[in-house]
Protein backbone atom coordinates (compact mmCIF):
# COMPACT_ATOMS: atom_id res chain seq x y z
CA UNK A 1 2.52 2.05 -1.14
CA UNK A 2 1.18 3.85 1.87
CA UNK A 3 -1.35 6.56 1.18
CA UNK A 4 -1.58 9.71 3.45
CA UNK A 5 -4.83 11.05 4.65
CA UNK A 6 -4.78 13.71 1.78
CA UNK A 7 -4.41 11.17 -0.82
CA UNK A 8 -7.38 9.21 0.63
CA UNK A 9 -9.58 12.20 1.17
CA UNK A 10 -9.23 13.34 -2.47
CA UNK A 11 -10.65 9.94 -3.51
CA UNK A 12 -13.27 9.85 -1.02
CA UNK A 13 -15.99 11.11 -3.48
CA UNK A 14 -15.57 7.91 -5.44
CA UNK A 15 -15.82 5.32 -2.50
CA UNK A 16 -17.58 5.38 0.83
CA UNK A 17 -14.80 5.23 3.29
CA UNK A 18 -11.08 5.82 3.82
CA UNK A 19 -10.56 2.15 4.22
CA UNK A 20 -12.19 1.58 0.90
CA UNK A 21 -10.26 4.13 -0.74
CA UNK A 22 -7.02 2.74 0.35
CA UNK A 23 -7.87 -0.78 -0.62
CA UNK A 24 -8.90 0.23 -4.03
CA UNK A 25 -5.83 2.33 -4.52
CA UNK A 26 -3.58 -0.57 -3.48
CA UNK A 27 -5.37 -2.99 -5.64
CA UNK A 28 -5.16 -0.67 -8.58
CA UNK A 29 -1.53 0.23 -8.07
CA UNK A 30 -2.21 3.99 -7.81
CA UNK A 31 0.90 6.35 -7.57
CA UNK A 32 1.22 9.73 -6.18
CA UNK A 33 3.37 12.40 -8.09
CA UNK A 34 4.60 15.70 -6.74
CA UNK A 35 3.75 17.90 -9.83
CA UNK A 36 2.04 18.18 -13.15
CA UNK A 37 5.32 17.68 -14.84
CA UNK A 38 5.61 14.19 -13.20
CA UNK A 39 2.09 13.34 -14.24
CA UNK A 40 3.21 14.23 -17.89
CA UNK A 41 6.50 12.20 -17.37
CA UNK A 42 4.31 9.17 -16.03
CA UNK A 43 2.19 9.18 -19.27
CA UNK A 44 5.11 9.25 -21.37
CA UNK A 45 6.70 6.30 -19.51
CA UNK A 46 3.59 4.34 -19.79
CA UNK A 47 3.27 4.91 -23.61
CA UNK A 48 0.22 6.91 -23.28
CA UNK A 49 -0.16 9.28 -26.19
CA UNK A 50 -0.20 12.95 -25.12
CA UNK A 51 0.62 14.43 -28.38
CA UNK A 52 -1.22 17.75 -28.44
CA UNK A 53 -2.55 17.32 -25.06
CA UNK A 54 -2.49 20.60 -22.89
CA UNK A 55 -2.46 20.90 -19.14
CA UNK A 56 -6.27 20.85 -18.82
CA UNK A 57 -6.56 17.84 -20.78
CA UNK A 58 -4.10 15.88 -18.51
CA UNK A 59 -5.96 17.19 -15.48
CA UNK A 60 -9.24 16.26 -16.54
CA UNK A 61 -8.22 12.54 -17.51
CA UNK A 62 -10.28 10.09 -15.60
CA UNK A 63 -7.25 8.61 -13.91
CA UNK A 64 -5.85 11.83 -12.61
CA UNK A 65 -6.91 13.30 -9.26
CA UNK A 66 -5.57 16.33 -7.94
CA UNK A 67 -4.88 16.13 -4.18
CA UNK A 68 -4.86 19.83 -3.40
CA UNK A 69 -1.46 20.17 -2.24
CA UNK A 70 0.41 20.25 -5.47
CA UNK A 71 0.51 16.46 -5.90
CA UNK A 72 -1.61 14.39 -8.01
CA UNK A 73 -3.09 10.88 -7.72
CA UNK A 74 -2.77 8.64 -10.92
CA UNK A 75 -4.85 5.31 -10.97
CA UNK A 76 -3.03 2.78 -13.19
CA UNK A 77 -5.28 -0.17 -13.32
């Protein structure tokens, strides 16, 4: 998967360079979704129990990063 600069930039706080961010995301099969609903759908498809979870809990999950343009980055691995 190709990651655009906005995706890489949102992950830059975790790593030290854009190249390192891209490498990490590729190795961990990170996905980019277009809405909070798609984050929720992704968790359901992966069998992650979200019963009783609200929007804040999903957005604060360790594997979810808000890109800042309405999209979200999800780290799978």
